[in-house]
Amino acid sequence: MAPITLRMEVHCFGCRSKIVKAIMKADPYEVTSKDQVLFLENGNVVVIGRDLNGPRIRQAVERKMLTSVSIVMNPVASIPEPDD
């Protein structure tokens, strides 16, 4: 499982439910439960899944919340290619 960490402002429980719904609609085959979305106190949101599409999830949350969202950590995208 490769989690994706997003940074955004989360104001209230209503915002949390909107974010969860947007994430579940953006990648319905990989995010099937609300338990796969974790909210941290520093404004980060961690999405847990196998083959998550980070840019698609970020775009869906931005559209739903009308705010900027940045991908803090996407392990698949941050792995450097080996030099041969």
N, C-alpha and C. Protein backbone atom coordinates (compact mmCIF):
# COMPACT_ATOMS: atom_id res chain seq x y z
N MET A 1 0.84 -1.18 0.00
CA MET A 1 0.00 0.00 0.00
C MET A 1 0.88 1.24 0.00
N ALA A 2 0.56 2.16 -0.86
CA ALA A 2 1.32 3.40 -0.97
C ALA A 2 0.41 4.57 -0.62
N PRO A 3 0.61 5.17 0.55
CA PRO A 3 -0.24 6.31 0.91
C PRO A 3 0.16 7.57 0.16
N ILE A 4 -0.80 8.46 0.00
CA ILE A 4 -0.57 9.77 -0.58
C ILE A 4 -0.93 10.79 0.48
N THR A 5 -0.07 11.79 0.66
CA THR A 5 -0.32 12.83 1.65
C THR A 5 -0.63 14.13 0.93
N LEU A 6 -1.77 14.72 1.25
CA LEU A 6 -2.20 15.99 0.66
C LEU A 6 -2.20 17.06 1.74
N ARG A 7 -1.86 18.29 1.37
CA ARG A 7 -1.90 19.40 2.32
C ARG A 7 -2.99 20.38 1.89
N MET A 8 -3.88 20.69 2.83
CA MET A 8 -4.98 21.63 2.56
C MET A 8 -5.52 22.14 3.89
N GLU A 9 -6.39 23.12 3.82
CA GLU A 9 -7.04 23.63 5.03
C GLU A 9 -8.32 22.85 5.27
N VAL A 10 -8.45 22.33 6.48
CA VAL A 10 -9.66 21.60 6.87
C VAL A 10 -10.25 22.36 8.06
N HIS A 11 -11.40 23.01 7.84
CA HIS A 11 -11.95 23.89 8.87
C HIS A 11 -12.85 23.17 9.87
N CYS A 12 -13.69 22.26 9.39
CA CYS A 12 -14.71 21.69 10.27
C CYS A 12 -15.03 20.26 9.83
N PHE A 13 -15.97 19.64 10.52
CA PHE A 13 -16.36 18.27 10.18
C PHE A 13 -17.10 18.22 8.85
N GLY A 14 -17.78 19.30 8.49
CA GLY A 14 -18.44 19.36 7.19
C GLY A 14 -17.42 19.32 6.06
N CYS A 15 -16.31 20.04 6.25
CA CYS A 15 -15.23 20.02 5.26
C CYS A 15 -14.65 18.61 5.14
N ARG A 16 -14.50 17.95 6.28
CA ARG A 16 -13.96 16.60 6.26
C ARG A 16 -14.84 15.65 5.46
N SER A 17 -16.13 15.74 5.65
CA SER A 17 -17.03 14.84 4.93
C SER A 17 -17.00 15.13 3.43
N LYS A 18 -16.91 16.42 3.04
CA LYS A 18 -16.81 16.76 1.63
C LYS A 18 -15.52 16.23 1.01
N ILE A 19 -14.43 16.32 1.75
CA ILE A 19 -13.14 15.83 1.26
C ILE A 19 -13.19 14.32 1.07
N VAL A 20 -13.74 13.61 2.05
CA VAL A 20 -13.83 12.15 1.95
C VAL A 20 -14.68 11.75 0.74
N LYS A 21 -15.82 12.41 0.55
CA LYS A 21 -16.68 12.09 -0.59
C LYS A 21 -15.97 12.35 -1.91
N ALA A 22 -15.24 13.47 -2.00
CA ALA A 22 -14.52 13.79 -3.24
C ALA A 22 -13.44 12.77 -3.52
N ILE A 23 -12.72 12.33 -2.50
CA ILE A 23 -11.67 11.32 -2.68
C ILE A 23 -12.26 10.00 -3.10
N MET A 24 -13.37 9.60 -2.47
CA MET A 24 -13.99 8.32 -2.81
C MET A 24 -14.57 8.33 -4.23
N LYS A 25 -15.06 9.48 -4.70
CA LYS A 25 -15.57 9.57 -6.07
C LYS A 25 -14.45 9.64 -7.09
N ALA A 26 -13.30 10.22 -6.71
CA ALA A 26 -12.19 10.37 -7.65
C ALA A 26 -11.54 9.02 -7.95
N ASP A 27 -11.46 8.15 -6.97
CA ASP A 27 -10.83 6.84 -7.17
C ASP A 27 -11.67 5.77 -6.49
N PRO A 28 -12.86 5.46 -7.05
CA PRO A 28 -13.81 4.58 -6.35
C PRO A 28 -13.36 3.13 -6.22
N TYR A 29 -12.44 2.68 -7.05
CA TYR A 29 -12.02 1.28 -6.97
C TYR A 29 -10.91 1.07 -5.95
N GLU A 30 -10.19 2.13 -5.61
CA GLU A 30 -9.09 2.00 -4.65
C GLU A 30 -9.46 2.51 -3.26
N VAL A 31 -10.29 3.54 -3.18
CA VAL A 31 -10.71 4.08 -1.89
C VAL A 31 -12.17 3.70 -1.70
N THR A 32 -12.38 2.63 -0.94
CA THR A 32 -13.73 2.09 -0.78
C THR A 32 -14.31 2.33 0.61
N SER A 33 -13.50 2.86 1.52
CA SER A 33 -13.96 3.05 2.90
C SER A 33 -13.49 4.41 3.42
N LYS A 34 -14.28 4.99 4.32
CA LYS A 34 -13.88 6.25 4.95
C LYS A 34 -12.66 6.07 5.83
N ASP A 35 -12.40 4.84 6.26
CA ASP A 35 -11.26 4.57 7.13
C ASP A 35 -9.93 4.70 6.39
N GLN A 36 -9.95 4.79 5.06
CA GLN A 36 -8.73 4.92 4.28
C GLN A 36 -8.29 6.38 4.15
N VAL A 37 -9.05 7.30 4.72
CA VAL A 37 -8.71 8.72 4.68
C VAL A 37 -8.47 9.19 6.12
N LEU A 38 -7.24 9.63 6.40
CA LEU A 38 -6.86 10.05 7.74
C LEU A 38 -6.59 11.55 7.74
N PHE A 39 -7.12 12.25 8.72
CA PHE A 39 -6.91 13.68 8.87
C PHE A 39 -5.93 13.92 10.01
N LEU A 40 -4.83 14.60 9.74
CA LEU A 40 -3.84 14.92 10.75
C LEU A 40 -4.04 16.36 11.23
N GLU A 41 -3.55 16.67 12.40
CA GLU A 41 -3.77 17.99 12.99
C GLU A 41 -3.03 19.11 12.28
N ASN A 42 -1.97 18.79 11.53
CA ASN A 42 -1.19 19.83 10.86
C ASN A 42 -1.75 20.21 9.49
N GLY A 43 -2.94 19.74 9.17
CA GLY A 43 -3.57 20.09 7.90
C GLY A 43 -3.30 19.11 6.78
N ASN A 44 -2.64 18.01 7.10
CA ASN A 44 -2.38 17.00 6.09
C ASN A 44 -3.48 15.96 6.09
N VAL A 45 -3.76 15.44 4.91
CA VAL A 45 -4.74 14.38 4.75
C VAL A 45 -4.01 13.21 4.09
N VAL A 46 -4.05 12.04 4.73
CA VAL A 46 -3.37 10.86 4.22
C VAL A 46 -4.42 9.93 3.63
N VAL A 47 -4.21 9.54 2.38
CA VAL A 47 -5.11 8.61 1.70
C VAL A 47 -4.34 7.30 1.52
N ILE A 48 -4.92 6.20 2.01
CA ILE A 48 -4.25 4.91 1.97
C ILE A 48 -4.91 4.04 0.91
N GLY A 49 -4.08 3.45 0.05
CA GLY A 49 -4.58 2.57 -1.00
C GLY A 49 -3.43 1.97 -1.77
N ARG A 50 -3.74 1.13 -2.73
CA ARG A 50 -2.68 0.45 -3.49
C ARG A 50 -2.23 1.27 -4.68
N ASP A 51 -3.06 1.43 -5.68
CA ASP A 51 -2.70 2.12 -6.91
C ASP A 51 -3.46 3.44 -7.00
N LEU A 52 -3.13 4.36 -6.11
CA LEU A 52 -3.83 5.64 -6.07
C LEU A 52 -3.29 6.58 -7.14
N ASN A 53 -4.18 7.36 -7.71
CA ASN A 53 -3.81 8.37 -8.69
C ASN A 53 -3.80 9.72 -7.98
N GLY A 54 -2.62 10.13 -7.51
CA GLY A 54 -2.48 11.34 -6.72
C GLY A 54 -2.98 12.60 -7.40
N PRO A 55 -2.56 12.87 -8.65
CA PRO A 55 -3.04 14.08 -9.32
C PRO A 55 -4.55 14.12 -9.52
N ARG A 56 -5.16 12.96 -9.80
CA ARG A 56 -6.61 12.93 -9.99
C ARG A 56 -7.34 13.20 -8.68
N ILE A 57 -6.83 12.64 -7.59
CA ILE A 57 -7.43 12.89 -6.27
C ILE A 57 -7.27 14.35 -5.89
N ARG A 58 -6.09 14.92 -6.11
CA ARG A 58 -5.84 16.33 -5.79
C ARG A 58 -6.79 17.24 -6.57
N GLN A 59 -6.95 16.95 -7.85
CA GLN A 59 -7.83 17.77 -8.70
C GLN A 59 -9.28 17.67 -8.25
N ALA A 60 -9.73 16.48 -7.88
CA ALA A 60 -11.12 16.31 -7.44
C ALA A 60 -11.39 17.06 -6.15
N VAL A 61 -10.44 17.03 -5.21
CA VAL A 61 -10.62 17.74 -3.94
C VAL A 61 -10.59 19.25 -4.17
N GLU A 62 -9.69 19.71 -5.04
CA GLU A 62 -9.64 21.15 -5.35
C GLU A 62 -10.95 21.63 -5.95
N ARG A 63 -11.51 20.84 -6.86
CA ARG A 63 -12.79 21.21 -7.48
C ARG A 63 -13.92 21.26 -6.47
N LYS A 64 -13.95 20.29 -5.58
CA LYS A 64 -15.03 20.21 -4.60
C LYS A 64 -14.91 21.30 -3.53
N MET A 65 -13.70 21.55 -3.03
CA MET A 65 -13.51 22.46 -1.92
C MET A 65 -13.22 23.90 -2.36
N LEU A 66 -12.93 24.11 -3.63
CA LEU A 66 -12.59 25.44 -4.16
C LEU A 66 -11.42 26.07 -3.41
N THR A 67 -10.39 25.28 -3.15
CA THR A 67 -9.20 25.73 -2.47
C THR A 67 -7.99 25.01 -3.05
N SER A 68 -6.80 25.50 -2.77
CA SER A 68 -5.60 24.86 -3.30
C SER A 68 -5.23 23.66 -2.45
N VAL A 69 -4.81 22.61 -3.14
CA VAL A 69 -4.40 21.37 -2.50
C VAL A 69 -3.05 21.00 -3.10
N SER A 70 -2.10 20.62 -2.27
CA SER A 70 -0.80 20.20 -2.78
C SER A 70 -0.50 18.79 -2.32
N ILE A 71 0.20 18.07 -3.17
CA ILE A 71 0.63 16.71 -2.84
C ILE A 71 1.96 16.84 -2.11
N VAL A 72 1.98 16.45 -0.85
CA VAL A 72 3.18 16.55 -0.04
C VAL A 72 4.08 15.35 -0.29
N MET A 73 3.46 14.16 -0.32
CA MET A 73 4.26 12.96 -0.50
C MET A 73 3.49 11.95 -1.34
N ASN A 74 4.10 11.57 -2.44
CA ASN A 74 3.56 10.52 -3.29
C ASN A 74 4.72 9.56 -3.55
N PRO A 75 4.81 8.46 -2.79
CA PRO A 75 5.98 7.60 -2.86
C PRO A 75 6.27 7.06 -4.26
N VAL A 76 5.26 6.82 -5.04
CA VAL A 76 5.48 6.26 -6.37
C VAL A 76 6.18 7.27 -7.26
N ALA A 77 5.78 8.55 -7.16
CA ALA A 77 6.37 9.58 -7.99
C ALA A 77 7.75 10.02 -7.49
N SER A 78 8.08 9.77 -6.21
CA SER A 78 9.32 10.25 -5.66
C SER A 78 10.45 9.24 -5.72
N ILE A 79 10.20 8.05 -6.24
CA ILE A 79 11.25 7.04 -6.34
C ILE A 79 12.11 7.37 -7.57
N PRO A 80 13.41 7.62 -7.38
CA PRO A 80 14.25 7.95 -8.53
C PRO A 80 14.52 6.74 -9.40
N GLU A 81 14.74 6.99 -10.66
CA GLU A 81 15.08 5.92 -11.61
C GLU A 81 16.53 5.51 -11.39
N PRO A 82 16.84 4.22 -11.44
CA PRO A 82 18.23 3.79 -11.27
C PRO A 82 19.07 4.17 -12.48
N ASP A 83 20.31 4.58 -12.22
CA ASP A 83 21.25 4.91 -13.30
C ASP A 83 21.99 3.68 -13.73
N ASP A 84 21.94 3.38 -15.00
CA ASP A 84 22.66 2.21 -15.54
C ASP A 84 23.74 2.64 -16.50
